[in-house]
């Protein structure tokens, strides 16, 4: 049996799935089977919903904080690439100028 193709779910779909878990008295396995989801994915959604509601462990990042962190990491990666490019360009032109002055 092959792997299932990765599916993408909207925030609303995840919220509805978490609400169904609550309606099923917290039975994640039953709800996951009803919705044709993996149990681990649904458990992660329920856990994240608890954190977002303020009921998670101290210091656990909310969804908004995770999104901001991902954005900052992308920006940091881009800025490092730009910095490295400028370093190489500076070295190239400095070397080129030293050849001209001889």
C-alpha atoms as a PDB file:
ATOM      1  CA  UNK A   1       0.000   0.000   0.000  1.00  0.00           C
ATOM      2  CA  UNK A   2       1.519   3.316  -1.114  1.00  0.00           C
ATOM      3  CA  UNK A   3       1.718   6.533   0.756  1.00  0.00           C
ATOM      4  CA  UNK A   4      -1.245   8.855   0.692  1.00  0.00           C
ATOM      5  CA  UNK A   5      -0.798  12.052  -1.286  1.00  0.00           C
ATOM      6  CA  UNK A   6      -0.228  15.013   1.028  1.00  0.00           C
ATOM      7  CA  UNK A   7      -3.380  17.076   1.423  1.00  0.00           C
ATOM      8  CA  UNK A   8      -3.648  20.711   2.434  1.00  0.00           C
ATOM      9  CA  UNK A   9      -6.410  21.896   4.767  1.00  0.00           C
ATOM     10  CA  UNK A  10      -7.660  25.409   5.406  1.00  0.00           C
ATOM     11  CA  UNK A  11      -7.816  26.946   8.852  1.00  0.00           C
ATOM     12  CA  UNK A  12     -11.612  26.594   8.780  1.00  0.00           C
ATOM     13  CA  UNK A  13     -11.429  22.883   7.948  1.00  0.00           C
ATOM     14  CA  UNK A  14      -9.055  22.321  10.850  1.00  0.00           C
ATOM     15  CA  UNK A  15     -11.318  24.273  13.209  1.00  0.00           C
ATOM     16  CA  UNK A  16     -14.323  22.192  12.132  1.00  0.00           C
ATOM     17  CA  UNK A  17     -12.389  18.956  12.677  1.00  0.00           C
ATOM     18  CA  UNK A  18     -11.351  20.086  16.169  1.00  0.00           C
ATOM     19  CA  UNK A  19     -14.980  20.994  16.938  1.00  0.00           C
ATOM     20  CA  UNK A  20     -16.050  17.502  15.861  1.00  0.00           C
ATOM     21  CA  UNK A  21     -13.506  15.987  18.242  1.00  0.00           C
ATOM     22  CA  UNK A  22     -15.105  17.965  21.059  1.00  0.00           C
ATOM     23  CA  UNK A  23     -18.572  16.787  19.971  1.00  0.00           C
ATOM     24  CA  UNK A  24     -17.308  13.180  20.045  1.00  0.00           C
ATOM     25  CA  UNK A  25     -16.232  13.610  23.681  1.00  0.00           C
ATOM     26  CA  UNK A  26     -12.583  14.027  22.745  1.00  0.00           C
ATOM     27  CA  UNK A  27     -12.383  10.776  20.789  1.00  0.00           C
ATOM     28  CA  UNK A  28      -9.687  11.678  18.252  1.00  0.00           C
ATOM     29  CA  UNK A  29      -9.414   8.183  16.741  1.00  0.00           C
ATOM     30  CA  UNK A  30     -13.138   7.953  15.949  1.00  0.00           C
ATOM     31  CA  UNK A  31     -13.256  11.485  14.512  1.00  0.00           C
ATOM     32  CA  UNK A  32     -10.134  10.916  12.408  1.00  0.00           C
ATOM     33  CA  UNK A  33     -11.670   7.776  10.942  1.00  0.00           C
ATOM     34  CA  UNK A  34     -14.955   9.565  10.196  1.00  0.00           C
ATOM     35  CA  UNK A  35     -13.131  12.419   8.432  1.00  0.00           C
ATOM     36  CA  UNK A  36     -10.586  10.181   6.655  1.00  0.00           C
ATOM     37  CA  UNK A  37      -7.698  11.913   8.405  1.00  0.00           C
ATOM     38  CA  UNK A  38      -4.617  10.541  10.070  1.00  0.00           C
ATOM     39  CA  UNK A  39      -4.972  10.377  13.803  1.00  0.00           C
ATOM     40  CA  UNK A  40      -1.607  12.074  14.359  1.00  0.00           C
ATOM     41  CA  UNK A  41      -2.575  15.070  12.211  1.00  0.00           C
ATOM     42  CA  UNK A  42      -5.870  15.505  14.029  1.00  0.00           C
ATOM     43  CA  UNK A  43      -4.151  15.202  17.420  1.00  0.00           C
ATOM     44  CA  UNK A  44      -1.718  17.937  16.377  1.00  0.00           C
ATOM     45  CA  UNK A  45      -4.617  20.188  15.330  1.00  0.00           C
ATOM     46  CA  UNK A  46      -6.378  19.625  18.661  1.00  0.00           C
ATOM     47  CA  UNK A  47      -3.177  20.328  20.594  1.00  0.00           C
ATOM     48  CA  UNK A  48      -2.524  23.521  18.609  1.00  0.00           C
ATOM     49  CA  UNK A  49      -6.128  24.660  19.158  1.00  0.00           C
ATOM     50  CA  UNK A  50      -5.648  24.227  22.914  1.00  0.00           C
ATOM     51  CA  UNK A  51      -2.419  26.261  22.788  1.00  0.00           C
ATOM     52  CA  UNK A  52      -4.094  28.999  20.725  1.00  0.00           C
ATOM     53  CA  UNK A  53      -6.915  29.136  23.285  1.00  0.00           C
ATOM     54  CA  UNK A  54      -4.361  29.675  26.060  1.00  0.00           C
ATOM     55  CA  UNK A  55      -4.599  26.190  27.537  1.00  0.00           C
ATOM     56  CA  UNK A  56      -1.243  24.813  26.427  1.00  0.00           C
ATOM     57  CA  UNK A  57       2.036  24.525  28.286  1.00  0.00           C
ATOM     58  CA  UNK A  58       3.805  27.729  29.269  1.00  0.00           C
ATOM     59  CA  UNK A  59       5.906  29.114  26.446  1.00  0.00           C
ATOM     60  CA  UNK A  60       4.286  27.019  23.712  1.00  0.00           C
ATOM     61  CA  UNK A  61       4.043  29.108  20.517  1.00  0.00           C
ATOM     62  CA  UNK A  62       0.610  29.970  19.177  1.00  0.00           C
ATOM     63  CA  UNK A  63      -0.268  29.597  15.496  1.00  0.00           C
ATOM     64  CA  UNK A  64       0.292  33.323  14.941  1.00  0.00           C
ATOM     65  CA  UNK A  65       3.687  33.143  16.626  1.00  0.00           C
ATOM     66  CA  UNK A  66       4.661  30.145  14.490  1.00  0.00           C
ATOM     67  CA  UNK A  67       3.605  31.996  11.351  1.00  0.00           C
ATOM     68  CA  UNK A  68       5.624  35.068  12.354  1.00  0.00           C
ATOM     69  CA  UNK A  69       8.643  32.915  13.193  1.00  0.00           C
ATOM     70  CA  UNK A  70       8.500  31.243   9.764  1.00  0.00           C
ATOM     71  CA  UNK A  71       8.282  34.663   8.084  1.00  0.00           C
ATOM     72  CA  UNK A  72      11.260  35.952  10.056  1.00  0.00           C
ATOM     73  CA  UNK A  73      13.313  32.859   9.215  1.00  0.00           C
ATOM     74  CA  UNK A  74      12.592  33.311   5.488  1.00  0.00           C
ATOM     75  CA  UNK A  75      13.541  36.980   5.722  1.00  0.00           C
ATOM     76  CA  UNK A  76      16.707  36.125   7.644  1.00  0.00           C
ATOM     77  CA  UNK A  77      17.693  33.554   4.998  1.00  0.00           C
ATOM     78  CA  UNK A  78      17.122  36.101   2.207  1.00  0.00           C
ATOM     79  CA  UNK A  79      19.127  38.786   4.004  1.00  0.00           C
ATOM     80  CA  UNK A  80      22.035  36.385   4.578  1.00  0.00           C
ATOM     81  CA  UNK A  81      22.069  35.500   0.891  1.00  0.00           C
ATOM     82  CA  UNK A  82      22.102  39.201  -0.032  1.00  0.00           C
ATOM     83  CA  UNK A  83      24.896  39.874   2.458  1.00  0.00           C
ATOM     84  CA  UNK A  84      26.995  36.986   1.114  1.00  0.00           C
ATOM     85  CA  UNK A  85      26.459  38.197  -2.441  1.00  0.00           C
ATOM     86  CA  UNK A  86      27.581  41.717  -1.502  1.00  0.00           C
ATOM     87  CA  UNK A  87      30.675  40.342   0.253  1.00  0.00           C
ATOM     88  CA  UNK A  88      31.653  38.411  -2.880  1.00  0.00           C
ATOM     89  CA  UNK A  89      30.955  41.402  -5.118  1.00  0.00           C
ATOM     90  CA  UNK A  90      33.041  43.662  -2.877  1.00  0.00           C
ATOM     91  CA  UNK A  91      35.932  41.199  -2.931  1.00  0.00           C
ATOM     92  CA  UNK A  92      35.663  40.865  -6.718  1.00  0.00           C
ATOM     93  CA  UNK A  93      35.704  44.609  -7.336  1.00  0.00           C
ATOM     94  CA  UNK A  94      38.446  45.199  -4.766  1.00  0.00           C
ATOM     95  CA  UNK A  95      40.600  42.607  -6.541  1.00  0.00           C
ATOM     96  CA  UNK A  96      39.756  44.146  -9.921  1.00  0.00           C
ATOM     97  CA  UNK A  97      40.714  47.643  -8.695  1.00  0.00           C
ATOM     98  CA  UNK A  98      44.042  46.408  -7.309  1.00  0.00           C
ATOM     99  CA  UNK A  99      44.893  44.938 -10.743  1.00  0.00           C
ATOM    100  CA  UNK A 100      44.152  48.279 -12.444  1.00  0.00           C
ATOM    101  CA  UNK A 101      46.278  50.347 -10.068  1.00  0.00           C
ATOM    102  CA  UNK A 102      49.449  48.317 -10.841  1.00  0.00           C
END
